[in-house]
Amino acid sequence: TTELNKWKYTTITVHDWDHVDTEIAQASPDIILFDITLPTFDGFYW
C-alpha cells in the first residue's frame, strides 16, 4: 500500500473474507493482487 500510494494509485483491501468476490465486483478495480493462502477459502477459489 505504501509503495503504490507513492505512485498515486488508490488501494483497497478486503473487509469481509466471506464475500471477497462481491467486494471486488463493487469496487471495479483496474488490477487485483491475490494471495493464495487466505483466511476462508483459498486464492484458487476466489
All heavy atoms as atom14 arrays in JSON, in Angstrom:
{
  "sequence": "TTELNKWKYTTITVHDWDHVDTEIAQASPDIILFDITLPTFDGFYW",
  "atom14_mask": [
    [1, 1, 1, 1, 1, 1, 1, 0, 0, 0, 0, 0, 0, 0],
    [1, 1, 1, 1, 1, 1, 1, 0, 0, 0, 0, 0, 0, 0],
    [1, 1, 1, 1, 1, 1, 1, 1, 1, 0, 0, 0, 0, 0],
    [1, 1, 1, 1, 1, 1, 1, 1, 0, 0, 0, 0, 0, 0],
    [1, 1, 1, 1, 1, 1, 1, 1, 0, 0, 0, 0, 0, 0],
    [1, 1, 1, 1, 1, 1, 1, 1, 1, 0, 0, 0, 0, 0],
    [1, 1, 1, 1, 1, 1, 1, 1, 1, 1, 1, 1, 1, 1],
    [1, 1, 1, 1, 1, 1, 1, 1, 1, 0, 0, 0, 0, 0],
    [1, 1, 1, 1, 1, 1, 1, 1, 1, 1, 1, 1, 0, 0],
    [1, 1, 1, 1, 1, 1, 1, 0, 0, 0, 0, 0, 0, 0],
    [1, 1, 1, 1, 1, 1, 1, 0, 0, 0, 0, 0, 0, 0],
    [1, 1, 1, 1, 1, 1, 1, 1, 0, 0, 0, 0, 0, 0],
    [1, 1, 1, 1, 1, 1, 1, 0, 0, 0, 0, 0, 0, 0],
    [1, 1, 1, 1, 1, 1, 1, 0, 0, 0, 0, 0, 0, 0],
    [1, 1, 1, 1, 1, 1, 1, 1, 1, 1, 0, 0, 0, 0],
    [1, 1, 1, 1, 1, 1, 1, 1, 0, 0, 0, 0, 0, 0],
    [1, 1, 1, 1, 1, 1, 1, 1, 1, 1, 1, 1, 1, 1],
    [1, 1, 1, 1, 1, 1, 1, 1, 0, 0, 0, 0, 0, 0],
    [1, 1, 1, 1, 1, 1, 1, 1, 1, 1, 0, 0, 0, 0],
    [1, 1, 1, 1, 1, 1, 1, 0, 0, 0, 0, 0, 0, 0],
    [1, 1, 1, 1, 1, 1, 1, 1, 0, 0, 0, 0, 0, 0],
    [1, 1, 1, 1, 1, 1, 1, 0, 0, 0, 0, 0, 0, 0],
    [1, 1, 1, 1, 1, 1, 1, 1, 1, 0, 0, 0, 0, 0],
    [1, 1, 1, 1, 1, 1, 1, 1, 0, 0, 0, 0, 0, 0],
    [1, 1, 1, 1, 1, 0, 0, 0, 0, 0, 0, 0, 0, 0],
    [1, 1, 1, 1, 1, 1, 1, 1, 1, 0, 0, 0, 0, 0],
    [1, 1, 1, 1, 1, 0, 0, 0, 0, 0, 0, 0, 0, 0],
    [1, 1, 1, 1, 1, 1, 0, 0, 0, 0, 0, 0, 0, 0],
    [1, 1, 1, 1, 1, 1, 1, 0, 0, 0, 0, 0, 0, 0],
    [1, 1, 1, 1, 1, 1, 1, 1, 0, 0, 0, 0, 0, 0],
    [1, 1, 1, 1, 1, 1, 1, 1, 0, 0, 0, 0, 0, 0],
    [1, 1, 1, 1, 1, 1, 1, 1, 0, 0, 0, 0, 0, 0],
    [1, 1, 1, 1, 1, 1, 1, 1, 0, 0, 0, 0, 0, 0],
    [1, 1, 1, 1, 1, 1, 1, 1, 1, 1, 1, 0, 0, 0],
    [1, 1, 1, 1, 1, 1, 1, 1, 0, 0, 0, 0, 0, 0],
    [1, 1, 1, 1, 1, 1, 1, 1, 0, 0, 0, 0, 0, 0],
    [1, 1, 1, 1, 1, 1, 1, 0, 0, 0, 0, 0, 0, 0],
    [1, 1, 1, 1, 1, 1, 1, 1, 0, 0, 0, 0, 0, 0],
    [1, 1, 1, 1, 1, 1, 1, 0, 0, 0, 0, 0, 0, 0],
    [1, 1, 1, 1, 1, 1, 1, 0, 0, 0, 0, 0, 0, 0],
    [1, 1, 1, 1, 1, 1, 1, 1, 1, 1, 1, 0, 0, 0],
    [1, 1, 1, 1, 1, 1, 1, 1, 0, 0, 0, 0, 0, 0],
    [1, 1, 1, 1, 0, 0, 0, 0, 0, 0, 0, 0, 0, 0],
    [1, 1, 1, 1, 1, 1, 1, 1, 1, 1, 1, 0, 0, 0],
    [1, 1, 1, 1, 1, 1, 1, 1, 1, 1, 1, 1, 0, 0],
    [1, 1, 1, 1, 1, 1, 1, 1, 1, 1, 1, 1, 1, 1]
  ],
  "atom14_positions": [
    [[0.83, -1.21, 0.0], [0.0, 0.0, 0.0], [0.86, 1.26, 0.0], [0.6, 2.2, -0.76], [-0.94, 0.01, 1.23], [-1.82, -1.12, 1.16], [-1.76, 1.28, 1.27], [0.0, 0.0, 0.0], [0.0, 0.0, 0.0], [0.0, 0.0, 0.0], [0.0, 0.0, 0.0], [0.0, 0.0, 0.0], [0.0, 0.0, 0.0], [0.0, 0.0, 0.0]],
    [[1.88, 1.27, 0.84], [2.77, 2.44, 0.92], [3.44, 2.71, -0.42], [3.5, 3.86, -0.88], [3.84, 2.22, 2.0], [3.21, 2.05, 3.27], [4.79, 3.42, 2.07], [0.0, 0.0, 0.0], [0.0, 0.0, 0.0], [0.0, 0.0, 0.0], [0.0, 0.0, 0.0], [0.0, 0.0, 0.0], [0.0, 0.0, 0.0], [0.0, 0.0, 0.0]],
    [[3.93, 1.65, -1.07], [4.61, 1.82, -2.36], [3.65, 2.28, -3.44], [3.97, 3.2, -4.21], [5.25, 0.48, -2.78], [6.02, 0.55, -4.08], [7.25, 1.44, -4.01], [7.74, 1.71, -2.89], [7.72, 1.88, -5.09], [0.0, 0.0, 0.0], [0.0, 0.0, 0.0], [0.0, 0.0, 0.0], [0.0, 0.0, 0.0], [0.0, 0.0, 0.0]],
    [[2.47, 1.69, -3.49], [1.51, 2.06, -4.53], [0.96, 3.47, -4.32], [0.72, 4.2, -5.29], [0.35, 1.06, -4.57], [0.73, -0.37, -5.01], [-0.49, -1.27, -5.01], [1.38, -0.36, -6.39], [0.0, 0.0, 0.0], [0.0, 0.0, 0.0], [0.0, 0.0, 0.0], [0.0, 0.0, 0.0], [0.0, 0.0, 0.0], [0.0, 0.0, 0.0]],
    [[0.77, 3.85, -3.07], [0.3, 5.2, -2.78], [1.32, 6.25, -3.21], [0.94, 7.36, -3.6], [-0.02, 5.36, -1.3], [-1.27, 4.61, -0.88], [-1.53, 4.42, 0.31], [-2.08, 4.15, -1.83], [0.0, 0.0, 0.0], [0.0, 0.0, 0.0], [0.0, 0.0, 0.0], [0.0, 0.0, 0.0], [0.0, 0.0, 0.0], [0.0, 0.0, 0.0]],
    [[2.61, 5.9, -3.17], [3.65, 6.83, -3.62], [3.45, 7.18, -5.1], [3.78, 8.28, -5.53], [5.04, 6.2, -3.44], [5.53, 6.12, -2.01], [6.91, 5.48, -1.99], [7.43, 5.29, -0.58], [8.75, 4.59, -0.57], [0.0, 0.0, 0.0], [0.0, 0.0, 0.0], [0.0, 0.0, 0.0], [0.0, 0.0, 0.0], [0.0, 0.0, 0.0]],
    [[2.93, 6.22, -5.84], [2.7, 6.4, -7.27], [1.27, 6.86, -7.56], [0.82, 6.79, -8.7], [3.01, 5.1, -8.01], [4.47, 4.8, -8.0], [5.19, 4.16, -7.02], [5.43, 5.12, -9.02], [6.5, 4.07, -7.36], [6.68, 4.64, -8.58], [5.33, 5.76, -10.27], [7.84, 4.79, -9.34], [6.48, 5.9, -11.02], [7.71, 5.43, -10.56]],
    [[0.59, 7.28, -6.49], [-0.77, 7.85, -6.6], [-1.82, 6.82, -6.99], [-2.9, 7.19, -7.47], [-0.79, 9.02, -7.62], [0.24, 10.1, -7.33], [0.09, 10.7, -5.94], [1.12, 11.78, -5.7], [1.06, 12.32, -4.32], [0.0, 0.0, 0.0], [0.0, 0.0, 0.0], [0.0, 0.0, 0.0], [0.0, 0.0, 0.0], [0.0, 0.0, 0.0]],
    [[-1.53, 5.53, -6.78], [-2.55, 4.52, -7.01], [-3.47, 4.45, -5.79], [-3.02, 4.56, -4.65], [-1.92, 3.14, -7.24], [-1.12, 3.02, -8.51], [0.19, 2.57, -8.5], [-1.69, 3.35, -9.74], [0.93, 2.46, -9.67], [-0.97, 3.24, -10.91], [0.34, 2.8, -10.87], [1.07, 2.7, -12.04], [0.0, 0.0, 0.0], [0.0, 0.0, 0.0]],
    [[-4.74, 4.24, -6.03], [-5.7, 4.03, -4.95], [-5.68, 2.55, -4.58], [-5.72, 1.69, -5.46], [-7.13, 4.42, -5.39], [-7.14, 5.8, -5.73], [-8.13, 4.16, -4.28], [0.0, 0.0, 0.0], [0.0, 0.0, 0.0], [0.0, 0.0, 0.0], [0.0, 0.0, 0.0], [0.0, 0.0, 0.0], [0.0, 0.0, 0.0], [0.0, 0.0, 0.0]],
    [[-5.6, 2.24, -3.29], [-5.57, 0.84, -2.86], [-6.8, 0.5, -2.01], [-7.28, 1.32, -1.24], [-4.3, 0.54, -2.04], [-4.2, 1.47, -0.95], [-3.06, 0.66, -2.91], [0.0, 0.0, 0.0], [0.0, 0.0, 0.0], [0.0, 0.0, 0.0], [0.0, 0.0, 0.0], [0.0, 0.0, 0.0], [0.0, 0.0, 0.0], [0.0, 0.0, 0.0]],
    [[-7.28, -0.71, -2.19], [-8.44, -1.21, -1.46], [-8.09, -2.58, -0.91], [-7.42, -3.37, -1.57], [-9.67, -1.32, -2.38], [-9.93, 0.0, -3.11], [-10.91, -1.74, -1.58], [-10.94, -0.13, -4.23], [0.0, 0.0, 0.0], [0.0, 0.0, 0.0], [0.0, 0.0, 0.0], [0.0, 0.0, 0.0], [0.0, 0.0, 0.0], [0.0, 0.0, 0.0]],
    [[-8.53, -2.87, 0.32], [-8.3, -4.18, 0.92], [-9.62, -4.85, 1.27], [-10.68, -4.21, 1.25], [-7.42, -4.06, 2.18], [-8.04, -3.13, 3.09], [-6.03, -3.56, 1.82], [0.0, 0.0, 0.0], [0.0, 0.0, 0.0], [0.0, 0.0, 0.0], [0.0, 0.0, 0.0], [0.0, 0.0, 0.0], [0.0, 0.0, 0.0], [0.0, 0.0, 0.0]],
    [[-9.55, -6.12, 1.62], [-10.75, -6.89, 1.92], [-11.29, -6.56, 3.31], [-10.54, -6.47, 4.28], [-10.45, -8.41, 1.85], [-11.68, -9.23, 2.22], [-9.94, -8.78, 0.46], [0.0, 0.0, 0.0], [0.0, 0.0, 0.0], [0.0, 0.0, 0.0], [0.0, 0.0, 0.0], [0.0, 0.0, 0.0], [0.0, 0.0, 0.0], [0.0, 0.0, 0.0]],
    [[-12.59, -6.39, 3.42], [-13.25, -6.15, 4.72], [-13.98, -7.4, 5.2], [-14.01, -7.68, 6.39], [-14.24, -4.99, 4.6], [-13.59, -3.67, 4.34], [-12.87, -3.0, 5.31], [-13.52, -2.91, 3.22], [-12.4, -1.87, 4.8], [-12.78, -1.79, 3.53], [0.0, 0.0, 0.0], [0.0, 0.0, 0.0], [0.0, 0.0, 0.0], [0.0, 0.0, 0.0]],
    [[-14.55, -8.15, 4.27], [-15.33, -9.34, 4.62], [-14.78, -10.53, 3.83], [-15.0, -10.64, 2.63], [-16.81, -9.11, 4.28], [-17.69, -10.27, 4.69], [-17.16, -11.32, 5.1], [-18.93, -10.14, 4.57], [0.0, 0.0, 0.0], [0.0, 0.0, 0.0], [0.0, 0.0, 0.0], [0.0, 0.0, 0.0], [0.0, 0.0, 0.0], [0.0, 0.0, 0.0]],
    [[-14.11, -11.43, 4.54], [-13.46, -12.56, 3.86], [-14.45, -13.61, 3.37], [-14.05, -14.57, 2.7], [-12.42, -13.2, 4.79], [-11.2, -12.37, 4.91], [-10.82, -11.59, 5.97], [-10.17, -12.2, 3.92], [-9.64, -10.94, 5.71], [-9.21, -11.31, 4.46], [-9.97, -12.72, 2.65], [-8.08, -10.93, 3.75], [-8.83, -12.34, 1.94], [-7.9, -11.46, 2.49]],
    [[-15.7, -13.45, 3.69], [-16.71, -14.37, 3.18], [-17.32, -13.88, 1.86], [-18.06, -14.62, 1.21], [-17.84, -14.56, 4.2], [-17.39, -15.35, 5.42], [-16.65, -16.34, 5.23], [-17.74, -14.97, 6.55], [0.0, 0.0, 0.0], [0.0, 0.0, 0.0], [0.0, 0.0, 0.0], [0.0, 0.0, 0.0], [0.0, 0.0, 0.0], [0.0, 0.0, 0.0]],
    [[-17.02, -12.64, 1.49], [-17.63, -12.07, 0.28], [-16.59, -11.28, -0.53], [-16.83, -10.15, -0.95], [-18.8, -11.15, 0.65], [-19.9, -11.87, 1.38], [-19.96, -11.93, 2.75], [-20.96, -12.57, 0.91], [-21.02, -12.63, 3.11], [-21.65, -13.04, 2.02], [0.0, 0.0, 0.0], [0.0, 0.0, 0.0], [0.0, 0.0, 0.0], [0.0, 0.0, 0.0]],
    [[-15.43, -11.89, -0.74], [-14.35, -11.23, -1.48], [-14.78, -10.88, -2.9], [-14.52, -9.78, -3.39], [-13.1, -12.13, -1.5], [-12.01, -11.5, -2.38], [-12.58, -12.36, -0.1], [0.0, 0.0, 0.0], [0.0, 0.0, 0.0], [0.0, 0.0, 0.0], [0.0, 0.0, 0.0], [0.0, 0.0, 0.0], [0.0, 0.0, 0.0], [0.0, 0.0, 0.0]],
    [[-15.46, -11.81, -3.56], [-15.88, -11.58, -4.94], [-16.85, -10.41, -5.05], [-16.77, -9.59, -5.98], [-16.49, -12.83, -5.55], [-17.6, -13.43, -4.71], [-17.71, -13.09, -3.51], [-18.38, -14.24, -5.25], [0.0, 0.0, 0.0], [0.0, 0.0, 0.0], [0.0, 0.0, 0.0], [0.0, 0.0, 0.0], [0.0, 0.0, 0.0], [0.0, 0.0, 0.0]],
    [[-17.76, -10.3, -4.09], [-18.74, -9.2, -4.09], [-18.05, -7.86, -3.89], [-18.36, -6.88, -4.59], [-19.78, -9.4, -2.97], [-20.44, -10.65, -3.17], [-20.81, -8.28, -2.98], [0.0, 0.0, 0.0], [0.0, 0.0, 0.0], [0.0, 0.0, 0.0], [0.0, 0.0, 0.0], [0.0, 0.0, 0.0], [0.0, 0.0, 0.0], [0.0, 0.0, 0.0]],
    [[-17.09, -7.81, -2.98], [-16.37, -6.55, -2.72], [-15.58, -6.12, -3.95], [-15.53, -4.93, -4.28], [-15.45, -6.71, -1.51], [-16.19, -6.84, -0.19], [-15.27, -6.73, 1.02], [-14.06, -6.44, 0.82], [-15.74, -6.93, 2.14], [0.0, 0.0, 0.0], [0.0, 0.0, 0.0], [0.0, 0.0, 0.0], [0.0, 0.0, 0.0], [0.0, 0.0, 0.0]],
    [[-14.96, -7.08, -4.63], [-14.19, -6.75, -5.83], [-15.11, -6.26, -6.94], [-14.82, -5.28, -7.63], [-13.36, -7.96, -6.28], [-12.22, -8.21, -5.29], [-12.8, -7.74, -7.69], [-11.4, -9.45, -5.58], [0.0, 0.0, 0.0], [0.0, 0.0, 0.0], [0.0, 0.0, 0.0], [0.0, 0.0, 0.0], [0.0, 0.0, 0.0], [0.0, 0.0, 0.0]],
    [[-16.24, -6.92, -7.11], [-17.19, -6.51, -8.14], [-17.69, -5.1, -7.89], [-17.81, -4.29, -8.82], [-18.36, -7.49, -8.19], [0.0, 0.0, 0.0], [0.0, 0.0, 0.0], [0.0, 0.0, 0.0], [0.0, 0.0, 0.0], [0.0, 0.0, 0.0], [0.0, 0.0, 0.0], [0.0, 0.0, 0.0], [0.0, 0.0, 0.0], [0.0, 0.0, 0.0]],
    [[-17.95, -4.77, -6.64], [-18.44, -3.43, -6.29], [-17.36, -2.38, -6.47], [-17.64, -1.25, -6.87], [-18.96, -3.43, -4.85], [-20.23, -4.25, -4.64], [-20.65, -4.35, -3.19], [-19.87, -4.06, -2.28], [-21.89, -4.76, -2.97], [0.0, 0.0, 0.0], [0.0, 0.0, 0.0], [0.0, 0.0, 0.0], [0.0, 0.0, 0.0], [0.0, 0.0, 0.0]],
    [[-16.11, -2.75, -6.19], [-15.0, -1.79, -6.3], [-14.6, -1.53, -7.74], [-14.1, -0.46, -8.07], [-13.8, -2.29, -5.51], [0.0, 0.0, 0.0], [0.0, 0.0, 0.0], [0.0, 0.0, 0.0], [0.0, 0.0, 0.0], [0.0, 0.0, 0.0], [0.0, 0.0, 0.0], [0.0, 0.0, 0.0], [0.0, 0.0, 0.0], [0.0, 0.0, 0.0]],
    [[-14.8, -2.53, -8.61], [-14.41, -2.44, -10.02], [-12.98, -1.93, -10.18], [-12.73, -0.89, -10.81], [-15.38, -1.5, -10.76], [-15.15, -1.55, -12.15], [0.0, 0.0, 0.0], [0.0, 0.0, 0.0], [0.0, 0.0, 0.0], [0.0, 0.0, 0.0], [0.0, 0.0, 0.0], [0.0, 0.0, 0.0], [0.0, 0.0, 0.0], [0.0, 0.0, 0.0]],
    [[-12.0, -2.66, -9.63], [-10.6, -2.21, -9.67], [-9.97, -2.36, -11.05], [-10.48, -3.09, -11.91], [-9.92, -3.12, -8.66], [-10.71, -4.39, -8.75], [-12.13, -3.96, -8.96], [0.0, 0.0, 0.0], [0.0, 0.0, 0.0], [0.0, 0.0, 0.0], [0.0, 0.0, 0.0], [0.0, 0.0, 0.0], [0.0, 0.0, 0.0], [0.0, 0.0, 0.0]],
    [[-8.85, -1.69, -11.24], [-8.1, -1.81, -12.5], [-7.18, -3.02, -12.48], [-6.89, -3.62, -13.52], [-7.28, -0.54, -12.75], [-8.17, 0.67, -12.93], [-8.8, 0.78, -14.0], [-8.27, 1.49, -11.99], [0.0, 0.0, 0.0], [0.0, 0.0, 0.0], [0.0, 0.0, 0.0], [0.0, 0.0, 0.0], [0.0, 0.0, 0.0], [0.0, 0.0, 0.0]],
    [[-6.68, -3.37, -11.28], [-5.8, -4.52, -11.09], [-6.16, -5.15, -9.75], [-6.5, -4.46, -8.79], [-4.31, -4.1, -11.05], [-3.87, -3.49, -12.39], [-3.42, -5.29, -10.68], [-3.57, -4.47, -13.48], [0.0, 0.0, 0.0], [0.0, 0.0, 0.0], [0.0, 0.0, 0.0], [0.0, 0.0, 0.0], [0.0, 0.0, 0.0], [0.0, 0.0, 0.0]],
    [[-6.05, -6.49, -9.68], [-6.28, -7.21, -8.43], [-5.0, -7.97, -8.07], [-4.44, -8.68, -8.9], [-7.44, -8.2, -8.55], [-8.7, -7.51, -9.08], [-7.73, -8.86, -7.19], [-9.79, -8.48, -9.51], [0.0, 0.0, 0.0], [0.0, 0.0, 0.0], [0.0, 0.0, 0.0], [0.0, 0.0, 0.0], [0.0, 0.0, 0.0], [0.0, 0.0, 0.0]],
    [[-4.54, -7.82, -6.82], [-3.4, -8.57, -6.31], [-3.94, -9.66, -5.41], [-4.67, -9.38, -4.45], [-2.45, -7.66, -5.53], [-1.94, -6.4, -6.25], [-0.97, -5.63, -5.35], [-1.26, -6.77, -7.57], [0.0, 0.0, 0.0], [0.0, 0.0, 0.0], [0.0, 0.0, 0.0], [0.0, 0.0, 0.0], [0.0, 0.0, 0.0], [0.0, 0.0, 0.0]],
    [[-3.59, -10.91, -5.68], [-4.2, -12.04, -4.99], [-3.17, -12.93, -4.3], [-2.28, -13.47, -4.95], [-4.96, -12.92, -5.99], [-6.44, -12.98, -5.78], [-7.29, -12.37, -6.67], [-6.98, -13.64, -4.68], [-8.67, -12.41, -6.5], [-8.35, -13.69, -4.49], [-9.2, -13.07, -5.4], [0.0, 0.0, 0.0], [0.0, 0.0, 0.0], [0.0, 0.0, 0.0]],
    [[-3.3, -13.09, -2.99], [-2.51, -14.1, -2.29], [-3.21, -15.44, -2.47], [-4.4, -15.49, -2.83], [-2.4, -13.74, -0.81], [-1.4, -14.62, -0.08], [-0.56, -15.27, -0.75], [-1.45, -14.68, 1.17], [0.0, 0.0, 0.0], [0.0, 0.0, 0.0], [0.0, 0.0, 0.0], [0.0, 0.0, 0.0], [0.0, 0.0, 0.0], [0.0, 0.0, 0.0]],
    [[-2.5, -16.55, -2.22], [-3.09, -17.87, -2.34], [-3.67, -18.35, -1.01], [-4.78, -18.86, -0.94], [-2.05, -18.89, -2.85], [-1.62, -18.54, -4.28], [-2.62, -20.31, -2.81], [-2.74, -18.6, -5.3], [0.0, 0.0, 0.0], [0.0, 0.0, 0.0], [0.0, 0.0, 0.0], [0.0, 0.0, 0.0], [0.0, 0.0, 0.0], [0.0, 0.0, 0.0]],
    [[-2.9, -18.2, 0.08], [-3.34, -18.65, 1.39], [-4.11, -17.53, 2.07], [-3.54, -16.49, 2.43], [-2.14, -19.05, 2.26], [-1.37, -20.04, 1.57], [-2.6, -19.62, 3.59], [0.0, 0.0, 0.0], [0.0, 0.0, 0.0], [0.0, 0.0, 0.0], [0.0, 0.0, 0.0], [0.0, 0.0, 0.0], [0.0, 0.0, 0.0], [0.0, 0.0, 0.0]],
    [[-5.42, -17.75, 2.27], [-6.3, -16.72, 2.8], [-7.13, -17.27, 3.96], [-7.22, -18.48, 4.13], [-7.2, -16.18, 1.68], [-6.46, -15.52, 0.5], [-7.42, -15.29, -0.67], [-5.81, -14.23, 0.93], [0.0, 0.0, 0.0], [0.0, 0.0, 0.0], [0.0, 0.0, 0.0], [0.0, 0.0, 0.0], [0.0, 0.0, 0.0], [0.0, 0.0, 0.0]],
    [[-7.77, -16.4, 4.74], [-8.48, -16.82, 5.96], [-9.63, -17.79, 5.75], [-9.83, -18.69, 6.56], [-9.01, -15.5, 6.53], [-8.06, -14.47, 6.01], [-7.71, -14.94, 4.63], [0.0, 0.0, 0.0], [0.0, 0.0, 0.0], [0.0, 0.0, 0.0], [0.0, 0.0, 0.0], [0.0, 0.0, 0.0], [0.0, 0.0, 0.0], [0.0, 0.0, 0.0]],
    [[-10.41, -17.62, 4.7], [-11.56, -18.51, 4.5], [-11.23, -19.48, 3.38], [-10.55, -20.46, 3.58], [-12.83, -17.7, 4.16], [-12.56, -16.83, 3.04], [-13.26, -16.85, 5.35], [0.0, 0.0, 0.0], [0.0, 0.0, 0.0], [0.0, 0.0, 0.0], [0.0, 0.0, 0.0], [0.0, 0.0, 0.0], [0.0, 0.0, 0.0], [0.0, 0.0, 0.0]],
    [[-11.72, -19.22, 2.18], [-11.37, -20.05, 1.03], [-10.02, -19.6, 0.47], [-9.6, -18.45, 0.67], [-12.44, -19.93, -0.05], [-13.81, -20.36, 0.43], [-14.77, -19.41, 0.73], [-14.12, -21.7, 0.59], [-16.03, -19.79, 1.17], [-15.36, -22.1, 1.04], [-16.33, -21.15, 1.33], [0.0, 0.0, 0.0], [0.0, 0.0, 0.0], [0.0, 0.0, 0.0]],
    [[-9.33, -20.48, -0.23], [-8.02, -20.12, -0.76], [-8.14, -19.26, -2.01], [-9.23, -19.03, -2.53], [-7.16, -21.36, -1.02], [-7.74, -22.3, -2.08], [-8.54, -21.82, -2.92], [-7.41, -23.49, -2.06], [0.0, 0.0, 0.0], [0.0, 0.0, 0.0], [0.0, 0.0, 0.0], [0.0, 0.0, 0.0], [0.0, 0.0, 0.0], [0.0, 0.0, 0.0]],
    [[-6.99, -18.8, -2.49], [-6.97, -17.91, -3.64], [-7.54, -18.53, -4.9], [-8.14, -17.84, -5.72], [0.0, 0.0, 0.0], [0.0, 0.0, 0.0], [0.0, 0.0, 0.0], [0.0, 0.0, 0.0], [0.0, 0.0, 0.0], [0.0, 0.0, 0.0], [0.0, 0.0, 0.0], [0.0, 0.0, 0.0], [0.0, 0.0, 0.0], [0.0, 0.0, 0.0]],
    [[-7.36, -19.85, -5.07], [-7.9, -20.51, -6.26], [-9.42, -20.38, -6.3], [-10.0, -20.08, -7.35], [-7.52, -22.0, -6.26], [-6.05, -22.26, -6.11], [-5.58, -23.12, -5.13], [-5.13, -21.64, -6.94], [-4.23, -23.37, -4.99], [-3.78, -21.88, -6.81], [-3.33, -22.74, -5.82], [0.0, 0.0, 0.0], [0.0, 0.0, 0.0], [0.0, 0.0, 0.0]],
    [[-10.04, -20.61, -5.16], [-11.5, -20.5, -5.08], [-11.94, -19.09, -5.44], [-12.86, -18.9, -6.25], [-11.96, -20.84, -3.66], [-13.43, -20.58, -3.42], [-14.38, -21.56, -3.67], [-13.86, -19.33, -2.94], [-15.73, -21.31, -3.46], [-15.21, -19.07, -2.74], [-16.14, -20.07, -3.0], [-17.48, -19.8, -2.8], [0.0, 0.0, 0.0], [0.0, 0.0, 0.0]],
    [[-11.28, -18.09, -4.84], [-11.72, -16.71, -5.05], [-11.42, -16.21, -6.46], [-12.18, -15.43, -7.02], [-11.09, -15.78, -4.01], [-11.69, -15.92, -2.65], [-11.06, -16.24, -1.48], [-13.08, -15.73, -2.3], [-11.96, -16.28, -0.45], [-13.2, -15.96, -0.91], [-14.22, -15.4, -3.03], [-14.42, -15.87, -0.25], [-15.44, -15.31, -2.37], [-15.53, -15.54, -1.0]]
  ]
}
